[in-house]
Amino acid sequence: MDFDGALARLRTSRLAFDPVRGEGVVLYADAPPDGRSWRYAVIAGSAGVVEE
């Protein structure tokens, strides 16, 4: 899946970072090093929400 496809999937599932909620997944803009998986960060108000 390309970057735009991965971002669209995150948005559709409501997992993309939302500044209003202050949580979600942020994809790194550079290409994945292995050509398959994306590097990402999960931001949330607590460790429990990150794990969820």
PDB file of N, CA and C in Angstrom:
ATOM      1  N   MET A   1       0.854  -1.165   0.000  1.00  0.00           N
ATOM      2  CA  MET A   1       0.000   0.000   0.000  1.00  0.00           C
ATOM      3  C   MET A   1       0.900   1.228   0.000  1.00  0.00           C
ATOM      4  N   ASP A   2       0.568   2.204  -0.831  1.00  0.00           N
ATOM      5  CA  ASP A   2       1.378   3.423  -0.859  1.00  0.00           C
ATOM      6  C   ASP A   2       0.986   4.348   0.293  1.00  0.00           C
ATOM      7  N   PHE A   3       1.718   5.461   0.431  1.00  0.00           N
ATOM      8  CA  PHE A   3       1.512   6.384   1.549  1.00  0.00           C
ATOM      9  C   PHE A   3       0.078   6.902   1.575  1.00  0.00           C
ATOM     10  N   ASP A   4      -0.428   7.355   0.427  1.00  0.00           N
ATOM     11  CA  ASP A   4      -1.789   7.890   0.373  1.00  0.00           C
ATOM     12  C   ASP A   4      -2.828   6.837   0.749  1.00  0.00           C
ATOM     13  N   GLY A   5      -2.621   5.608   0.316  1.00  0.00           N
ATOM     14  CA  GLY A   5      -3.536   4.525   0.658  1.00  0.00           C
ATOM     15  C   GLY A   5      -3.520   4.220   2.146  1.00  0.00           C
ATOM     16  N   ALA A   6      -2.322   4.208   2.736  1.00  0.00           N
ATOM     17  CA  ALA A   6      -2.209   3.951   4.169  1.00  0.00           C
ATOM     18  C   ALA A   6      -2.873   5.066   4.969  1.00  0.00           C
ATOM     19  N   LEU A   7      -2.658   6.307   4.563  1.00  0.00           N
ATOM     20  CA  LEU A   7      -3.279   7.434   5.251  1.00  0.00           C
ATOM     21  C   LEU A   7      -4.796   7.392   5.115  1.00  0.00           C
ATOM     22  N   ALA A   8      -5.289   7.069   3.935  1.00  0.00           N
ATOM     23  CA  ALA A   8      -6.740   6.965   3.728  1.00  0.00           C
ATOM     24  C   ALA A   8      -7.339   5.886   4.618  1.00  0.00           C
ATOM     25  N   ARG A   9      -6.653   4.773   4.756  1.00  0.00           N
ATOM     26  CA  ARG A   9      -7.152   3.687   5.611  1.00  0.00           C
ATOM     27  C   ARG A   9      -7.183   4.121   7.079  1.00  0.00           C
ATOM     28  N   LEU A  10      -6.149   4.847   7.524  1.00  0.00           N
ATOM     29  CA  LEU A  10      -6.145   5.358   8.893  1.00  0.00           C
ATOM     30  C   LEU A  10      -7.298   6.334   9.115  1.00  0.00           C
ATOM     31  N   ARG A  11      -7.526   7.215   8.148  1.00  0.00           N
ATOM     32  CA  ARG A  11      -8.616   8.185   8.281  1.00  0.00           C
ATOM     33  C   ARG A  11      -9.971   7.500   8.292  1.00  0.00           C
ATOM     34  N   THR A  12     -10.170   6.534   7.421  1.00  0.00           N
ATOM     35  CA  THR A  12     -11.447   5.816   7.350  1.00  0.00           C
ATOM     36  C   THR A  12     -11.753   5.111   8.666  1.00  0.00           C
ATOM     37  N   SER A  13     -10.732   4.554   9.288  1.00  0.00           N
ATOM     38  CA  SER A  13     -10.928   3.827  10.541  1.00  0.00           C
ATOM     39  C   SER A  13     -10.846   4.741  11.765  1.00  0.00           C
ATOM     40  N   ARG A  14     -10.693   6.053  11.540  1.00  0.00           N
ATOM     41  CA  ARG A  14     -10.589   7.056  12.600  1.00  0.00           C
ATOM     42  C   ARG A  14      -9.369   6.840  13.494  1.00  0.00           C
ATOM     43  N   LEU A  15      -8.300   6.311  12.894  1.00  0.00           N
ATOM     44  CA  LEU A  15      -7.054   6.111  13.633  1.00  0.00           C
ATOM     45  C   LEU A  15      -6.006   7.180  13.316  1.00  0.00           C
ATOM     46  N   ALA A  16      -6.225   7.983  12.256  1.00  0.00           N
ATOM     47  CA  ALA A  16      -5.270   9.034  11.911  1.00  0.00           C
ATOM     48  C   ALA A  16      -5.268  10.096  13.007  1.00  0.00           C
ATOM     49  N   PHE A  17      -4.129  10.757  13.195  1.00  0.00           N
ATOM     50  CA  PHE A  17      -4.020  11.773  14.241  1.00  0.00           C
ATOM     51  C   PHE A  17      -5.055  12.859  14.028  1.00  0.00           C
ATOM     52  N   ASP A  18      -5.752  13.205  15.102  1.00  0.00           N
ATOM     53  CA  ASP A  18      -6.759  14.260  15.095  1.00  0.00           C
ATOM     54  C   ASP A  18      -6.348  15.292  16.144  1.00  0.00           C
ATOM     55  N   PRO A  19      -5.984  16.514  15.719  1.00  0.00           N
ATOM     56  CA  PRO A  19      -5.528  17.515  16.686  1.00  0.00           C
ATOM     57  C   PRO A  19      -6.609  17.925  17.687  1.00  0.00           C
ATOM     58  N   VAL A  20      -7.872  17.802  17.313  1.00  0.00           N
ATOM     59  CA  VAL A  20      -8.953  18.143  18.243  1.00  0.00           C
ATOM     60  C   VAL A  20      -8.982  17.149  19.401  1.00  0.00           C
ATOM     61  N   ARG A  21      -8.862  15.859  19.089  1.00  0.00           N
ATOM     62  CA  ARG A  21      -8.826  14.826  20.134  1.00  0.00           C
ATOM     63  C   ARG A  21      -7.458  14.733  20.791  1.00  0.00           C
ATOM     64  N   GLY A  22      -6.408  15.151  20.060  1.00  0.00           N
ATOM     65  CA  GLY A  22      -5.040  15.065  20.574  1.00  0.00           C
ATOM     66  C   GLY A  22      -4.501  13.655  20.591  1.00  0.00           C
ATOM     67  N   GLU A  23      -5.013  12.806  19.691  1.00  0.00           N
ATOM     68  CA  GLU A  23      -4.529  11.432  19.648  1.00  0.00           C
ATOM     69  C   GLU A  23      -4.672  10.872  18.245  1.00  0.00           C
ATOM     70  N   GLY A  24      -3.969   9.779  18.008  1.00  0.00           N
ATOM     71  CA  GLY A  24      -4.035   9.094  16.726  1.00  0.00           C
ATOM     72  C   GLY A  24      -2.667   8.657  16.256  1.00  0.00           C
ATOM     73  N   VAL A  25      -2.629   8.161  15.031  1.00  0.00           N
ATOM     74  CA  VAL A  25      -1.413   7.635  14.423  1.00  0.00           C
ATOM     75  C   VAL A  25      -0.848   8.646  13.436  1.00  0.00           C
ATOM     76  N   VAL A  26       0.462   8.859  13.506  1.00  0.00           N
ATOM     77  CA  VAL A  26       1.175   9.738  12.575  1.00  0.00           C
ATOM     78  C   VAL A  26       2.128   8.878  11.767  1.00  0.00           C
ATOM     79  N   LEU A  27       1.992   8.895  10.445  1.00  0.00           N
ATOM     80  CA  LEU A  27       2.928   8.178   9.580  1.00  0.00           C
ATOM     81  C   LEU A  27       4.135   9.057   9.295  1.00  0.00           C
ATOM     82  N   TYR A  28       5.312   8.452   9.237  1.00  0.00           N
ATOM     83  CA  TYR A  28       6.492   9.183   8.795  1.00  0.00           C
ATOM     84  C   TYR A  28       6.378   9.374   7.287  1.00  0.00           C
ATOM     85  N   ALA A  29       6.743  10.537   6.806  1.00  0.00           N
ATOM     86  CA  ALA A  29       6.546  10.865   5.395  1.00  0.00           C
ATOM     87  C   ALA A  29       7.534  10.188   4.457  1.00  0.00           C
ATOM     88  N   ASP A  30       8.656   9.683   4.963  1.00  0.00           N
ATOM     89  CA  ASP A  30       9.610   9.035   4.068  1.00  0.00           C
ATOM     90  C   ASP A  30       9.173   7.597   3.779  1.00  0.00           C
ATOM     91  N   ALA A  31       9.738   7.023   2.761  1.00  0.00           N
ATOM     92  CA  ALA A  31       9.370   5.659   2.354  1.00  0.00           C
ATOM     93  C   ALA A  31       9.799   4.649   3.411  1.00  0.00           C
ATOM     94  N   PRO A  32       9.045   3.573   3.562  1.00  0.00           N
ATOM     95  CA  PRO A  32       9.437   2.549   4.528  1.00  0.00           C
ATOM     96  C   PRO A  32      10.743   1.882   4.105  1.00  0.00           C
ATOM     97  N   PRO A  33      11.649   1.624   5.048  1.00  0.00           N
ATOM     98  CA  PRO A  33      12.952   1.072   4.684  1.00  0.00           C
ATOM     99  C   PRO A  33      12.879  -0.305   4.034  1.00  0.00           C
ATOM    100  N   ASP A  34      11.894  -1.110   4.400  1.00  0.00           N
ATOM    101  CA  ASP A  34      11.801  -2.439   3.804  1.00  0.00           C
ATOM    102  C   ASP A  34      10.854  -2.480   2.605  1.00  0.00           C
ATOM    103  N   GLY A  35      10.285  -1.322   2.246  1.00  0.00           N
ATOM    104  CA  GLY A  35       9.395  -1.253   1.091  1.00  0.00           C
ATOM    105  C   GLY A  35       8.001  -1.803   1.352  1.00  0.00           C
ATOM    106  N   ARG A  36       7.715  -2.250   2.581  1.00  0.00           N
ATOM    107  CA  ARG A  36       6.399  -2.840   2.884  1.00  0.00           C
ATOM    108  C   ARG A  36       5.716  -2.188   4.075  1.00  0.00           C
ATOM    109  N   SER A  37       6.404  -2.130   5.211  1.00  0.00           N
ATOM    110  CA  SER A  37       5.765  -1.624   6.428  1.00  0.00           C
ATOM    111  C   SER A  37       6.068  -0.139   6.623  1.00  0.00           C
ATOM    112  N   TRP A  38       5.131   0.563   7.240  1.00  0.00           N
ATOM    113  CA  TRP A  38       5.304   1.993   7.474  1.00  0.00           C
ATOM    114  C   TRP A  38       5.798   2.232   8.889  1.00  0.00           C
ATOM    115  N   ARG A  39       6.639   3.247   9.040  1.00  0.00           N
ATOM    116  CA  ARG A  39       7.047   3.691  10.365  1.00  0.00           C
ATOM    117  C   ARG A  39       5.996   4.688  10.846  1.00  0.00           C
ATOM    118  N   TYR A  40       5.659   4.620  12.106  1.00  0.00           N
ATOM    119  CA  TYR A  40       4.585   5.464  12.614  1.00  0.00           C
ATOM    120  C   TYR A  40       4.790   5.762  14.093  1.00  0.00           C
ATOM    121  N   ALA A  41       4.078   6.767  14.572  1.00  0.00           N
ATOM    122  CA  ALA A  41       4.034   7.091  15.992  1.00  0.00           C
ATOM    123  C   ALA A  41       2.582   7.124  16.408  1.00  0.00           C
ATOM    124  N   VAL A  42       2.307   6.644  17.619  1.00  0.00           N
ATOM    125  CA  VAL A  42       0.962   6.700  18.187  1.00  0.00           C
ATOM    126  C   VAL A  42       0.989   7.718  19.315  1.00  0.00           C
ATOM    127  N   ILE A  43       0.079   8.692  19.255  1.00  0.00           N
ATOM    128  CA  ILE A  43       0.026   9.762  20.231  1.00  0.00           C
ATOM    129  C   ILE A  43      -1.308   9.666  20.975  1.00  0.00           C
ATOM    130  N   ALA A  44      -1.237   9.698  22.308  1.00  0.00           N
ATOM    131  CA  ALA A  44      -2.457   9.637  23.115  1.00  0.00           C
ATOM    132  C   ALA A  44      -2.179  10.217  24.489  1.00  0.00           C
ATOM    133  N   GLY A  45      -3.255  10.440  25.234  1.00  0.00           N
ATOM    134  CA  GLY A  45      -3.145  11.037  26.552  1.00  0.00           C
ATOM    135  C   GLY A  45      -2.636  10.107  27.630  1.00  0.00           C
ATOM    136  N   SER A  46      -2.631   8.800  27.356  1.00  0.00           N
ATOM    137  CA  SER A  46      -2.151   7.849  28.359  1.00  0.00           C
ATOM    138  C   SER A  46      -1.603   6.609  27.663  1.00  0.00           C
ATOM    139  N   ALA A  47      -0.802   5.858  28.397  1.00  0.00           N
ATOM    140  CA  ALA A  47      -0.237   4.629  27.835  1.00  0.00           C
ATOM    141  C   ALA A  47      -1.346   3.618  27.516  1.00  0.00           C
ATOM    142  N   GLY A  48      -2.396   3.592  28.322  1.00  0.00           N
ATOM    143  CA  GLY A  48      -3.498   2.672  28.075  1.00  0.00           C
ATOM    144  C   GLY A  48      -4.186   2.928  26.754  1.00  0.00           C
ATOM    145  N   VAL A  49      -4.366   4.208  26.422  1.00  0.00           N
ATOM    146  CA  VAL A  49      -5.003   4.549  25.152  1.00  0.00           C
ATOM    147  C   VAL A  49      -4.079   4.211  23.982  1.00  0.00           C
ATOM    148  N   VAL A  50      -2.777   4.410  24.154  1.00  0.00           N
ATOM    149  CA  VAL A  50      -1.810   4.039  23.109  1.00  0.00           C
ATOM    150  C   VAL A  50      -1.907   2.543  22.833  1.00  0.00           C
ATOM    151  N   GLU A  51      -1.944   1.742  23.877  1.00  0.00           N
ATOM    152  CA  GLU A  51      -2.037   0.288  23.706  1.00  0.00           C
ATOM    153  C   GLU A  51      -3.347  -0.099  23.043  1.00  0.00           C
ATOM    154  N   GLU A  52      -4.415   0.605  23.377  1.00  0.00           N
ATOM    155  CA  GLU A  52      -5.720   0.313  22.767  1.00  0.00           C
ATOM    156  C   GLU A  52      -5.679   0.530  21.286  1.00  0.00           C
TER     157      GLU A  52
END
